[in-house]
Amino acid sequence: MSFQIECPDCGLRPVWEFHFGGEVAQRPAADAEAARWVDYIYNKTNTRGPQLEWWFHRSACKSWLVAERDTRTNRVTETRRSPLEAGDG
């Protein structure tokens, strides 16, 4: 199923212009135990429903963005530049 993502810089674009960067997750501290890093890298939540994800706009502005995407429908409900930014579209 194809869908579109609204880039903060370039506007609404087809998903094939982007590269999926994975789920947004809390990064462990640099001195965290190896088991914590293994969990962060390999274990994904894979939420059924709304999920925050990293996307890279490889075909245009070359910027990273965060999209909230419903994994059941692929509908992107919000995009923003960072997971901490209060997004408004």
Protein backbone atom coordinates (compact mmCIF):
# COMPACT_ATOMS: atom_id res chain seq x y z
CA MET A 1 0.00 0.00 0.00
CA SER A 2 1.43 3.36 -1.02
CA PHE A 3 1.00 6.52 1.01
CA GLN A 4 2.27 10.09 1.27
CA ILE A 5 4.32 11.95 3.87
CA GLU A 6 4.26 15.70 4.37
CA CYS A 7 7.84 16.95 4.58
CA PRO A 8 8.17 20.15 6.69
CA ASP A 9 10.38 21.62 3.94
CA CYS A 10 8.98 20.18 0.70
CA GLY A 11 5.29 19.53 1.32
CA LEU A 12 3.27 16.41 0.55
CA ARG A 13 5.39 13.77 -1.21
CA PRO A 14 5.06 10.05 -2.11
CA VAL A 15 6.58 7.62 0.38
CA TRP A 16 9.08 6.28 -2.17
CA GLU A 17 11.00 9.59 -1.85
CA PHE A 18 11.80 8.70 1.79
CA HIS A 19 13.88 6.12 3.63
CA PHE A 20 12.39 4.51 6.76
CA GLY A 21 14.66 5.01 9.77
CA GLY A 22 12.81 2.97 12.38
CA GLU A 23 10.64 3.61 15.40
CA VAL A 24 11.33 6.55 17.66
CA ALA A 25 12.72 5.10 20.90
CA GLN A 26 14.61 6.44 23.90
CA ARG A 27 18.34 6.08 23.19
CA PRO A 28 20.35 4.52 26.04
CA ALA A 29 23.10 6.47 27.77
CA ALA A 30 26.56 6.06 26.24
CA ASP A 31 27.70 4.07 29.28
CA ALA A 32 24.62 1.80 29.41
CA GLU A 33 25.10 -1.94 29.70
CA ALA A 34 25.43 -3.94 26.48
CA ALA A 35 22.08 -5.65 27.11
CA ARG A 36 20.33 -2.26 27.06
CA TRP A 37 21.94 -1.41 23.70
CA VAL A 38 20.97 -4.81 22.26
CA ASP A 39 17.37 -4.19 23.34
CA TYR A 40 17.40 -0.69 21.79
CA ILE A 41 18.84 -1.86 18.45
CA TYR A 42 17.06 -5.17 17.91
CA ASN A 43 13.79 -5.20 19.86
CA LYS A 44 11.04 -3.11 18.31
CA THR A 45 7.63 -2.30 19.75
CA ASN A 46 5.93 -2.72 16.36
CA THR A 47 2.79 -1.01 17.61
CA ARG A 48 -0.52 -1.84 15.95
CA GLY A 49 -1.91 1.66 15.47
CA PRO A 50 -0.29 5.11 15.80
CA GLN A 51 3.49 4.99 16.03
CA LEU A 52 6.25 7.63 15.85
CA GLU A 53 8.83 6.84 13.16
CA TRP A 54 11.99 8.38 11.72
CA TRP A 55 11.99 9.10 7.96
CA PHE A 56 14.78 10.55 5.79
CA HIS A 57 13.79 12.60 2.73
CA ARG A 58 16.39 11.12 0.40
CA SER A 59 14.98 12.46 -2.89
CA ALA A 60 14.77 16.16 -2.05
CA CYS A 61 15.86 18.14 1.02
CA LYS A 62 17.95 15.36 2.65
CA SER A 63 16.38 16.04 6.06
CA TRP A 64 15.28 13.70 8.83
CA LEU A 65 11.73 14.03 10.16
CA VAL A 66 9.41 12.24 12.54
CA ALA A 67 6.05 11.02 11.28
CA GLU A 68 3.17 9.66 13.29
CA ARG A 69 1.83 6.81 11.14
CA ASP A 70 -1.03 4.43 11.82
CA THR A 71 0.52 1.03 11.05
CA ARG A 72 -2.90 -0.49 10.31
CA THR A 73 -3.72 1.94 7.48
CA ASN A 74 -0.39 3.68 6.69
CA ARG A 75 -2.16 7.02 7.21
CA VAL A 76 0.34 9.67 8.31
CA THR A 77 -1.43 11.98 10.76
CA GLU A 78 1.43 14.32 11.68
CA THR A 79 5.02 15.16 10.77
CA ARG A 80 7.61 17.20 12.62
CA ARG A 81 11.35 17.75 12.71
CA SER A 82 12.01 16.01 16.03
CA PRO A 83 10.23 13.73 18.49
CA LEU A 84 10.35 16.54 21.09
CA GLU A 85 8.76 19.20 18.87
CA ALA A 86 5.06 19.84 19.43
CA GLY A 87 3.89 19.11 15.93
CA ASP A 88 1.09 20.90 14.23
CA GLY A 89 1.21 19.12 10.91
